[in-house]
């Protein structure tokens, strides 16, 4: 997902990128045709088993010049997500084109950006692509012109290089290093691991790296020990979800097959606890927020009367003196609860306006503060940016410094983290929220976010070219069938592929 915004910028900047896509598409069609012929396919049928299909395309991509590791993480493991579709009855060549080709485009586009910033010796691979007829001459000329523009703009060159290196830094810290996740595998109590793995899984998921951690034990624990993790203890950090929400989230992602009726019964008991508050969403904002999220995930329906009980609370809770004492993230969560329940417009306008005004007082060009006089915080930045996305006011998110703060904090926190039994989970949480902000900037395909990425990462000539483009809205709103376009739900924040 960290590349999606960059891919969109490349599409907008190059008028004739379709020529590049066309060459790759034609090569791919030949590959599919040859594969079917080798396996005695008839007509439009797709004859071989799933693993044989994977092995064939993997070998071909490595022949083109991709490294085995690149193919494994960027193609093979991505294709595994579509195994059910790829092995279904009636699967055809056209369906193969629809699913597999976008992933192959992404492999090439990622390599192109690494070539621009000279990462990982990509020049040799680019020569190999050109020799095999995968890069049209006209495209290479324009690509080298773009590379020259970056060479003349050292500040933007270093920014793009740093941005593209985030993924490698995450791998080095969490996965490859001697002091990474392996040091925490010695923790005996699965409950102690669960919320930690939730945070790490969310971070790695953004980079398509969640396959790098072995979650087998976690999956089995979730399925067989519901009573142990259906609990409201925020084990490692008060800013993170309760244990039960982490369990529900990971159960769905890992297909653990938990007893949903049992989970719903537990949530209804939680509801009985929450309505004891005089104003539940104002006095127990985080618990209520994750309770609503969990209810949506397991399809627990609440009656109108139950919703009224959750939403009770008079106007004094919305007075500026009370809102001033609340965290920015909590204020946004209240509005998100209204949205998730589908009752936003039914809430008194004055209440909504008071919350929005208080959030705006926390925002500045250099970031967002959790309190009016507090420190800039990645959690507050994410929720404030999401709030503007939710309200279709993205024009308020325009400062390049915001992106600089987000990226700098990822690097700073990666340096400070030390994996041990006394690990600072607040630092990992800061990384998570920074990644969630980058997800919004990349996957919310709106002109304002494209402009922010361009201004921060690209040379002035590219900025001017894109600002003068007249068809950006048409491109962003139109049907895009090259690389995969992840969407973000503007209510729940969940990624939609």
Protein backbone atom coordinates (compact mmCIF):
# COMPACT_ATOMS: atom_id res chain seq x y z
CA UNK A 1 0.00 0.00 0.00
CA UNK A 2 2.93 2.34 0.57
CA UNK A 3 3.48 2.45 -3.21
CA UNK A 4 -0.11 3.03 -4.32
CA UNK A 5 0.06 6.83 -4.24
CA UNK A 6 3.38 6.78 -6.11
CA UNK A 7 1.94 4.50 -8.79
CA UNK A 8 -0.96 6.90 -9.25
CA UNK A 9 1.43 9.85 -9.57
CA UNK A 10 3.43 7.98 -12.22
CA UNK A 11 0.23 7.23 -14.13
CA UNK A 12 -0.77 10.89 -14.06
CA UNK A 13 2.71 12.21 -14.93
CA UNK A 14 3.33 9.93 -17.92
CA UNK A 15 0.77 10.52 -20.63
CA UNK A 16 1.61 7.31 -22.47
CA UNK A 17 2.17 4.86 -19.63
CA UNK A 18 -0.46 2.69 -21.31
CA UNK A 19 2.24 1.76 -23.81
CA UNK A 20 4.30 0.23 -20.99
CA UNK A 21 1.27 -1.59 -19.59
CA UNK A 22 0.44 -2.85 -23.06
CA UNK A 23 3.88 -4.40 -23.58
CA UNK A 24 3.76 -6.17 -20.21
CA UNK A 25 0.19 -7.31 -20.87
CA UNK A 26 1.12 -8.77 -24.27
CA UNK A 27 4.09 -10.65 -22.77
CA UNK A 28 1.84 -11.98 -20.04
CA UNK A 29 -0.80 -13.19 -22.49
CA UNK A 30 1.88 -15.10 -24.38
CA UNK A 31 3.04 -16.65 -21.10
CA UNK A 32 -0.50 -17.77 -20.25
CA UNK A 33 -1.06 -19.16 -23.75
CA UNK A 34 2.20 -21.12 -23.67
CA UNK A 35 1.43 -22.41 -20.18
CA UNK A 36 -1.98 -23.67 -21.26
CA UNK A 37 -0.50 -25.29 -24.36
CA UNK A 38 2.15 -27.05 -22.27
CA UNK A 39 -0.54 -28.40 -19.99
CA UNK A 40 -2.83 -29.41 -22.84
CA UNK A 41 -5.47 -26.84 -21.99
CA UNK A 42 -8.50 -26.72 -24.19
CA UNK A 43 -10.27 -23.54 -25.21
CA UNK A 44 -10.41 -20.98 -22.45
CA UNK A 45 -9.93 -23.44 -19.61
CA UNK A 46 -7.05 -23.18 -17.17
CA UNK A 47 -5.72 -26.70 -16.80
CA UNK A 48 -2.99 -27.05 -14.17
CA UNK A 49 -3.01 -27.10 -10.40
CA UNK A 50 -2.46 -24.01 -8.32
CA UNK A 51 1.14 -24.75 -7.34
CA UNK A 52 2.12 -25.56 -10.92
CA UNK A 53 0.67 -22.23 -12.00
CA UNK A 54 2.63 -20.37 -9.32
CA UNK A 55 5.87 -22.17 -10.16
CA UNK A 56 5.55 -21.37 -13.86
CA UNK A 57 5.01 -17.64 -13.42
CA UNK A 58 7.69 -17.44 -10.73
CA UNK A 59 10.26 -18.99 -13.07
CA UNK A 60 9.28 -16.63 -15.90
CA UNK A 61 9.55 -13.53 -13.71
CA UNK A 62 12.99 -14.59 -12.51
CA UNK A 63 14.03 -15.05 -16.15
CA UNK A 64 12.97 -11.44 -16.77
CA UNK A 65 15.47 -10.29 -14.14
CA UNK A 66 13.60 -10.19 -10.83
CA UNK A 67 15.37 -11.60 -7.81
CA UNK A 68 13.89 -14.70 -6.19
CA UNK A 69 13.12 -12.77 -2.97
CA UNK A 70 11.32 -10.06 -4.94
CA UNK A 71 9.16 -12.61 -6.74
CA UNK A 72 8.42 -14.47 -3.52
CA UNK A 73 7.23 -11.47 -1.51
CA UNK A 74 5.81 -9.38 -4.37
CA UNK A 75 4.14 -12.08 -6.45
CA UNK A 76 4.00 -15.60 -5.00
CA UNK A 77 2.71 -14.62 -1.57
CA UNK A 78 0.34 -12.05 -3.04
CA UNK A 79 -1.15 -14.66 -5.38
CA UNK A 80 -1.80 -16.95 -2.40
CA UNK A 81 -4.52 -14.51 -1.30
CA UNK A 82 -6.49 -15.47 -4.42
CA UNK A 83 -5.99 -19.24 -4.20
CA UNK A 84 -9.69 -20.00 -3.78
CA UNK A 85 -10.59 -18.06 -6.92
CA UNK A 86 -7.65 -19.42 -8.89
CA UNK A 87 -8.62 -23.02 -8.12
CA UNK A 88 -12.38 -22.70 -8.59
CA UNK A 89 -14.27 -24.57 -11.29
CA UNK A 90 -14.47 -22.75 -14.56
CA UNK A 91 -11.40 -20.61 -13.93
CA UNK A 92 -10.33 -19.14 -17.27
CA UNK A 93 -7.46 -17.34 -18.96
CA UNK A 94 -9.38 -14.07 -18.84
CA UNK A 95 -9.87 -14.50 -15.09
CA UNK A 96 -6.16 -15.19 -14.74
CA UNK A 97 -5.42 -11.91 -16.56
CA UNK A 98 -7.78 -10.05 -14.23
CA UNK A 99 -6.19 -11.36 -11.01
CA UNK A 100 -2.52 -11.97 -11.81
CA UNK A 101 -1.66 -9.17 -14.24
CA UNK A 102 -2.15 -6.27 -11.75
CA UNK A 103 0.28 -7.93 -9.34
CA UNK A 104 2.85 -8.25 -12.12
CA UNK A 105 2.39 -4.56 -12.97
CA UNK A 106 3.11 -3.72 -9.33
CA UNK A 107 6.36 -5.71 -9.42
CA UNK A 108 7.56 -3.67 -12.39
CA UNK A 109 6.39 -0.32 -11.00
CA UNK A 110 8.11 -0.93 -7.66
CA UNK A 111 11.32 -1.77 -9.52
CA UNK A 112 10.97 1.45 -11.53
CA UNK A 113 10.83 3.58 -8.38
CA UNK A 114 13.82 1.77 -6.91
CA UNK A 115 15.64 2.51 -10.17
CA UNK A 116 14.86 6.22 -9.80
CA UNK A 117 16.57 6.35 -6.40
CA UNK A 118 19.24 3.76 -7.26
CA UNK A 119 18.10 1.27 -4.64
CA UNK A 120 19.39 -2.33 -4.62
CA UNK A 121 21.35 -2.11 -7.87
CA UNK A 122 18.24 -1.99 -10.06
CA UNK A 123 20.05 -0.58 -13.13
CA UNK A 124 21.12 -4.09 -14.20
CA UNK A 125 17.54 -5.36 -13.90
CA UNK A 126 16.27 -2.44 -15.99
CA UNK A 127 18.79 -3.28 -18.72
CA UNK A 128 17.56 -6.85 -18.65
CA UNK A 129 13.93 -5.70 -18.94
CA UNK A 130 14.81 -3.56 -21.94
CA UNK A 131 16.72 -6.39 -23.65
CA UNK A 132 13.68 -8.63 -23.26
CA UNK A 133 11.44 -6.00 -24.84
CA UNK A 134 9.56 -5.14 -21.65
CA UNK A 135 10.39 -1.43 -21.61
CA UNK A 136 9.50 0.59 -24.71
CA UNK A 137 12.21 3.03 -25.85
CA UNK A 138 9.92 6.05 -25.49
CA UNK A 139 9.08 5.05 -21.94
CA UNK A 140 12.75 4.59 -20.99
CA UNK A 141 13.60 8.03 -22.38
CA UNK A 142 10.93 9.67 -20.23
CA UNK A 143 11.86 7.57 -17.21
CA UNK A 144 15.48 8.66 -17.48
CA UNK A 145 14.33 12.27 -17.80
CA UNK A 146 12.43 11.82 -14.53
CA UNK A 147 15.50 10.26 -12.95
CA UNK A 148 17.52 13.31 -14.06
CA UNK A 149 15.00 15.65 -12.46
CA UNK A 150 15.49 13.86 -9.16
CA UNK A 151 19.28 14.06 -9.56
CA UNK A 152 18.94 17.84 -9.90
CA UNK A 153 16.74 18.01 -6.79
CA UNK A 154 18.78 16.39 -4.00
CA UNK A 155 16.25 17.23 -1.27
CA UNK A 156 13.42 15.43 -3.08
CA UNK A 157 15.78 12.60 -4.06
CA UNK A 158 16.66 11.98 -0.41
CA UNK A 159 13.03 12.25 0.66
CA UNK A 160 11.88 9.66 -1.89
CA UNK A 161 14.80 7.41 -1.02
CA UNK A 162 13.93 7.65 2.68
CA UNK A 163 10.25 7.03 1.96
CA UNK A 164 10.98 3.93 -0.13
CA UNK A 165 13.37 2.63 2.54
CA UNK A 166 10.69 2.50 5.26
CA UNK A 167 9.72 -1.04 4.25
CA UNK A 168 13.31 -2.26 4.48
CA UNK A 169 13.73 -0.57 7.87
CA UNK A 170 10.63 -2.35 9.16
CA UNK A 171 11.97 -5.71 7.96
CA UNK A 172 15.38 -5.08 9.50
CA UNK A 173 13.92 -4.11 12.85
CA UNK A 174 11.02 -6.50 13.26
CA UNK A 175 12.06 -9.54 11.28
CA UNK A 176 15.71 -9.81 10.22
CA UNK A 177 17.55 -8.33 13.19
CA UNK A 178 18.85 -10.44 16.07
CA UNK A 179 16.87 -8.29 18.50
CA UNK A 180 13.61 -8.51 16.58
CA UNK A 181 10.41 -10.45 17.12
CA UNK A 182 12.19 -13.72 17.85
CA UNK A 183 13.22 -12.40 21.26
CA UNK A 184 9.57 -12.20 22.26
CA UNK A 185 8.72 -15.76 21.26
CA UNK A 186 9.95 -16.84 24.67
CA UNK A 187 6.93 -15.20 26.35
CA UNK A 188 4.94 -18.08 27.80
CA UNK A 189 1.48 -16.58 28.29
CA UNK A 190 -0.37 -16.32 24.93
CA UNK A 191 -2.50 -13.53 26.40
CA UNK A 192 0.62 -11.46 26.89
CA UNK A 193 1.49 -11.97 23.24
CA UNK A 194 -1.90 -11.34 21.72
CA UNK A 195 -2.13 -7.55 21.77
CA UNK A 196 1.51 -7.26 20.80
CA UNK A 197 0.96 -9.49 17.78
CA UNK A 198 -2.15 -7.48 16.89
CA UNK A 199 -0.08 -4.28 16.68
CA UNK A 200 2.76 -5.94 14.75
CA UNK A 201 0.34 -7.70 12.39
CA UNK A 202 -1.35 -4.37 11.58
CA UNK A 203 2.00 -2.74 10.81
CA UNK A 204 3.30 -5.59 8.66
CA UNK A 205 -0.05 -5.86 6.88
CA UNK A 206 0.43 -2.33 5.53
CA UNK A 207 3.66 -3.42 3.85
CA UNK A 208 2.27 -6.84 2.77
CA UNK A 209 4.77 -8.43 5.15
CA UNK A 210 2.40 -10.15 7.61
CA UNK A 211 3.41 -13.49 6.10
CA UNK A 212 6.81 -12.96 7.74
CA UNK A 213 5.55 -13.88 11.21
CA UNK A 214 4.39 -17.33 12.23
CA UNK A 215 0.86 -16.96 13.60
CA UNK A 216 0.02 -20.67 13.87
CA UNK A 217 0.15 -20.72 17.68
CA UNK A 218 -1.89 -17.51 17.87
CA UNK A 219 -4.55 -18.96 15.54
CA UNK A 220 -4.86 -22.12 17.65
CA UNK A 221 -4.98 -20.13 20.88
CA UNK A 222 -7.77 -17.92 19.52
CA UNK A 223 -9.88 -20.88 18.43
CA UNK A 224 -9.46 -23.05 21.52
CA UNK A 225 -9.30 -20.51 24.36
CA UNK A 226 -12.08 -17.95 23.92
CA UNK A 227 -12.58 -17.51 27.66
CA UNK A 228 -8.95 -16.48 28.09
CA UNK A 229 -8.90 -13.68 25.51
CA UNK A 230 -12.50 -12.48 25.73
CA UNK A 231 -11.45 -9.88 28.29
CA UNK A 232 -11.37 -6.10 28.55
CA UNK A 233 -7.88 -5.79 30.02
CA UNK A 234 -5.76 -3.41 27.91
CA UNK A 235 -2.69 -5.54 28.60
CA UNK A 236 0.08 -3.44 27.09
CA UNK A 237 -1.18 0.05 26.35
CA UNK A 238 -4.20 2.14 27.21
CA UNK A 239 -4.15 3.63 23.70
CA UNK A 240 -4.72 0.23 22.09
CA UNK A 241 -7.84 -1.95 21.90
CA UNK A 242 -8.90 -4.28 24.67
CA UNK A 243 -7.74 -7.86 24.44
CA UNK A 244 -11.06 -9.15 23.08
CA UNK A 245 -10.97 -6.80 20.07
CA UNK A 246 -7.42 -7.89 19.20
CA UNK A 247 -8.64 -11.48 19.32
CA UNK A 248 -11.65 -10.84 17.08
CA UNK A 249 -9.55 -8.89 14.54
CA UNK A 250 -6.82 -11.54 14.33
CA UNK A 251 -9.38 -14.37 14.28
CA UNK A 252 -10.88 -12.94 11.10
CA UNK A 253 -7.53 -12.23 9.47
CA UNK A 254 -6.17 -15.69 10.34
CA UNK A 255 -9.43 -17.52 9.62
CA UNK A 256 -9.36 -19.07 13.09
CA UNK A 257 -12.97 -20.27 12.94
CA UNK A 258 -14.07 -19.01 16.37
CA UNK A 259 -17.55 -19.48 17.83
CA UNK A 260 -19.22 -16.20 16.80
CA UNK A 261 -22.37 -16.83 18.85
CA UNK A 262 -20.22 -17.12 21.96
CA UNK A 263 -18.46 -13.86 21.05
CA UNK A 264 -21.79 -12.08 20.56
CA UNK A 265 -22.96 -13.26 23.98
CA UNK A 266 -19.79 -11.82 25.49
CA UNK A 267 -20.31 -8.49 23.72
CA UNK A 268 -23.88 -8.23 25.00
CA UNK A 269 -22.57 -8.66 28.55
CA UNK A 270 -20.10 -5.86 27.84
CA UNK A 271 -22.97 -3.70 26.68
CA UNK A 272 -24.68 -4.15 30.04
CA UNK A 273 -21.54 -2.82 31.74
CA UNK A 274 -21.19 0.20 29.45
CA UNK A 275 -24.74 1.50 29.87
CA UNK A 276 -24.05 1.94 33.58
CA UNK A 277 -22.23 5.17 32.65
CA UNK A 278 -24.23 8.38 32.71
CA UNK A 279 -22.91 9.26 29.22
CA UNK A 280 -21.24 6.11 27.84
CA UNK A 281 -19.60 7.45 24.68
CA UNK A 282 -18.26 10.52 26.48
CA UNK A 283 -17.02 8.76 29.62
CA UNK A 284 -15.86 5.47 28.05
CA UNK A 285 -15.04 6.55 24.51
CA UNK A 286 -12.34 4.02 23.64
CA UNK A 287 -14.20 0.97 25.06
CA UNK A 288 -17.42 1.99 23.30
CA UNK A 289 -15.59 2.66 20.02
CA UNK A 290 -14.02 -0.81 19.94
CA UNK A 291 -17.25 -2.39 21.16
CA UNK A 292 -19.06 -0.91 18.15
CA UNK A 293 -16.24 -1.96 15.81
CA UNK A 294 -16.34 -5.51 17.19
CA UNK A 295 -20.14 -5.63 16.90
CA UNK A 296 -19.91 -4.72 13.22
CA UNK A 297 -17.20 -7.32 12.63
CA UNK A 298 -19.27 -10.19 14.08
CA UNK A 299 -22.60 -8.82 12.76
CA UNK A 300 -24.13 -8.18 16.17
CA UNK A 301 -27.30 -6.15 15.70
CA UNK A 302 -28.24 -3.62 18.38
CA UNK A 303 -31.84 -2.47 18.78
CA UNK A 304 -32.85 1.18 18.65
CA UNK A 305 -33.40 1.12 22.42
CA UNK A 306 -29.92 -0.30 23.01
CA UNK A 307 -28.42 2.43 20.83
CA UNK A 308 -30.30 5.12 22.75
CA UNK A 309 -28.79 3.81 25.98
CA UNK A 310 -25.27 3.99 24.53
CA UNK A 311 -25.83 7.51 23.25
CA UNK A 312 -27.39 9.01 26.35
CA UNK A 313 -25.82 12.07 27.92
CA UNK A 314 -26.89 15.70 28.12
CA UNK A 315 -25.33 18.74 26.46
CA UNK A 316 -22.99 19.56 29.36
CA UNK A 317 -20.69 16.72 28.27
CA UNK A 318 -20.23 18.56 24.99
CA UNK A 319 -19.34 21.90 26.54
CA UNK A 320 -15.91 23.30 25.48
CA UNK A 321 -14.59 22.98 29.04
CA UNK A 322 -15.20 19.22 28.97
CA UNK A 323 -14.09 18.66 25.36
CA UNK A 324 -10.86 20.52 26.07
CA UNK A 325 -9.86 17.82 28.57
CA UNK A 326 -10.37 14.99 26.05
CA UNK A 327 -7.76 13.60 23.68
CA UNK A 328 -8.01 14.45 19.99
CA UNK A 329 -8.29 10.76 19.10
CA UNK A 330 -11.22 10.39 21.51
CA UNK A 331 -13.04 13.33 19.96
CA UNK A 332 -12.72 11.81 16.50
CA UNK A 333 -13.78 8.40 17.82
CA UNK A 334 -17.04 9.93 19.08
CA UNK A 335 -17.82 11.23 15.60
CA UNK A 336 -16.80 7.89 14.08
CA UNK A 337 -19.20 6.09 16.44
CA UNK A 338 -22.02 8.29 15.15
CA UNK A 339 -20.99 7.43 11.57
CA UNK A 340 -20.64 3.70 12.21
CA UNK A 341 -24.10 3.56 13.75
CA UNK A 342 -25.57 5.48 10.81
CA UNK A 343 -26.99 8.19 13.07
CA UNK A 344 -24.55 11.05 12.43
CA UNK A 345 -27.13 13.39 10.92
CA UNK A 346 -29.55 12.60 13.74
CA UNK A 347 -27.14 13.93 16.35
CA UNK A 348 -27.79 17.52 17.35
CA UNK A 349 -25.78 19.83 15.06
CA UNK A 350 -24.48 21.88 17.99
CA UNK A 351 -22.88 18.79 19.57
CA UNK A 352 -21.14 17.82 16.35
CA UNK A 353 -19.97 21.37 15.72
CA UNK A 354 -18.48 21.73 19.21
CA UNK A 355 -16.44 18.54 18.71
CA UNK A 356 -15.25 19.56 15.24
CA UNK A 357 -14.22 23.01 16.49
CA UNK A 358 -12.22 21.48 19.33
CA UNK A 359 -10.44 19.08 16.95
CA UNK A 360 -9.52 21.97 14.66
CA UNK A 361 -7.83 23.76 17.57
CA UNK A 362 -5.37 20.86 17.89
CA UNK A 363 -4.24 20.97 14.23
CA UNK A 364 -1.19 22.84 12.96
CA UNK A 365 1.16 22.80 9.98
CA UNK A 366 3.65 20.75 11.98
CA UNK A 367 1.19 18.05 13.07
CA UNK A 368 -1.69 17.41 15.45
CA UNK A 369 -1.65 17.54 19.25
CA UNK A 370 -3.54 15.19 21.54
CA UNK A 371 -4.47 18.20 23.69
CA UNK A 372 -4.54 21.89 22.87
CA UNK A 373 -1.26 22.49 24.69
CA UNK A 374 0.06 18.96 24.36
CA UNK A 375 2.68 17.25 22.23
CA UNK A 376 2.34 16.26 18.60
CA UNK A 377 1.27 12.63 18.45
CA UNK A 378 1.03 10.09 15.60
CA UNK A 379 -2.25 8.76 16.97
CA UNK A 380 -3.75 12.26 16.93
CA UNK A 381 -2.45 12.88 13.39
CA UNK A 382 -4.08 9.71 12.06
CA UNK A 383 -7.46 10.37 13.66
CA UNK A 384 -7.48 14.04 12.60
CA UNK A 385 -6.64 13.13 8.98
CA UNK A 386 -9.28 10.40 9.00
CA UNK A 387 -11.79 12.90 10.39
CA UNK A 388 -11.26 15.13 7.34
CA UNK A 389 -11.59 12.10 5.05
CA UNK A 390 -14.82 11.12 6.82
CA UNK A 391 -16.21 14.63 6.42
CA UNK A 392 -14.96 15.18 2.83
CA UNK A 393 -12.82 18.16 3.92
CA UNK A 394 -9.45 16.96 2.64
CA UNK A 395 -8.51 20.49 1.57
CA UNK A 396 -7.66 21.05 5.25
CA UNK A 397 -4.85 18.47 4.98
CA UNK A 398 -2.27 20.27 2.88
CA UNK A 399 0.92 20.80 4.88
CA UNK A 400 4.07 19.02 3.67
CA UNK A 401 5.35 19.18 7.25
CA UNK A 402 2.65 16.71 8.24
CA UNK A 403 4.12 14.05 5.97
CA UNK A 404 7.61 14.88 7.17
CA UNK A 405 6.54 14.40 10.79
CA UNK A 406 4.89 11.05 10.01
CA UNK A 407 7.95 9.64 8.21
CA UNK A 408 10.46 11.05 10.69
CA UNK A 409 8.56 9.52 13.60
CA UNK A 410 8.67 6.07 12.00
CA UNK A 411 12.45 6.31 11.72
CA UNK A 412 12.86 7.77 15.21
CA UNK A 413 10.70 5.14 16.88
CA UNK A 414 12.38 2.30 15.01
CA UNK A 415 15.69 3.51 16.40
CA UNK A 416 14.33 3.69 19.96
CA UNK A 417 12.53 0.32 20.05
CA UNK A 418 14.29 -2.52 21.77
CA UNK A 419 12.53 -5.87 21.76
CA UNK A 420 12.53 -7.34 25.24
CA UNK A 421 10.06 -8.26 27.94
CA UNK A 422 10.05 -4.56 28.90
CA UNK A 423 9.39 -3.37 25.37
CA UNK A 424 7.92 0.13 25.04
CA UNK A 425 4.59 -0.60 23.33
CA UNK A 426 3.77 3.08 23.02
CA UNK A 427 6.62 3.42 20.51
CA UNK A 428 5.25 0.51 18.44
CA UNK A 429 1.78 2.05 18.62
CA UNK A 430 3.20 5.34 17.30
CA UNK A 431 4.61 3.42 14.31
CA UNK A 432 1.23 1.78 13.73
CA UNK A 433 -0.60 5.09 13.61
CA UNK A 434 2.07 6.61 11.35
CA UNK A 435 1.56 3.69 8.95
CA UNK A 436 -2.21 4.13 9.15
CA UNK A 437 -1.75 7.79 8.13
CA UNK A 438 0.43 6.74 5.18
CA UNK A 439 -2.29 4.25 4.25
CA UNK A 440 -4.82 7.06 4.07
CA UNK A 441 -2.54 9.30 2.00
CA UNK A 442 -1.88 6.48 -0.48
CA UNK A 443 -5.21 4.65 -0.68
CA UNK A 444 -7.69 7.53 -0.44
CA UNK A 445 -7.32 8.37 -4.11
CA UNK A 446 -8.29 12.02 -3.96
CA UNK A 447 -6.60 15.00 -5.61
CA UNK A 448 -5.68 16.62 -2.28
CA UNK A 449 -3.69 13.62 -1.06
CA UNK A 450 -2.05 13.12 -4.46
CA UNK A 451 -0.97 16.78 -4.33
CA UNK A 452 0.47 16.34 -0.83
CA UNK A 453 2.56 13.33 -1.86
CA UNK A 454 3.76 15.07 -5.03
CA UNK A 455 4.79 18.27 -3.24
CA UNK A 456 6.72 16.40 -0.58
CA UNK A 457 8.40 13.70 -2.69
CA UNK A 458 8.76 14.96 -6.27
CA UNK A 459 10.78 17.69 -8.06
CA UNK A 460 9.20 21.05 -8.90
CA UNK A 461 8.88 20.15 -12.58
CA UNK A 462 6.68 17.16 -11.70
CA UNK A 463 4.62 19.30 -9.30
CA UNK A 464 4.02 21.93 -12.00
CA UNK A 465 3.16 19.28 -14.60
CA UNK A 466 0.60 17.58 -12.37
CA UNK A 467 -0.91 20.83 -11.08
CA UNK A 468 -1.57 21.85 -14.69
CA UNK A 469 -3.17 18.53 -15.58
CA UNK A 470 -6.85 18.91 -16.36
CA UNK A 471 -7.88 15.27 -16.22
CA UNK A 472 -6.70 14.26 -12.74
CA UNK A 473 -10.22 14.03 -11.36
CA UNK A 474 -11.32 11.99 -14.37
CA UNK A 475 -8.42 9.58 -13.81
CA UNK A 476 -9.02 9.24 -10.06
CA UNK A 477 -12.77 8.77 -10.46
CA UNK A 478 -12.55 6.56 -13.53
CA UNK A 479 -12.14 2.82 -13.80
CA UNK A 480 -8.52 1.87 -13.20
CA UNK A 481 -7.52 -1.65 -14.23
CA UNK A 482 -3.70 -1.64 -14.10
CA UNK A 483 -2.32 -2.19 -10.58
CA UNK A 484 -4.57 -3.04 -7.62
CA UNK A 485 -6.30 -0.09 -6.00
CA UNK A 486 -6.93 -0.58 -2.28
CA UNK A 487 -9.77 1.56 -0.96
CA UNK A 488 -10.38 2.76 2.60
CA UNK A 489 -13.87 2.76 4.08
CA UNK A 490 -14.59 6.31 5.23
CA UNK A 491 -16.56 5.02 8.21
CA UNK A 492 -14.66 2.05 9.69
CA UNK A 493 -11.24 2.80 8.19
CA UNK A 494 -10.93 -0.78 6.97
CA UNK A 495 -8.98 -1.49 3.77
CA UNK A 496 -11.14 -2.75 0.90
CA UNK A 497 -9.41 -4.68 -1.88
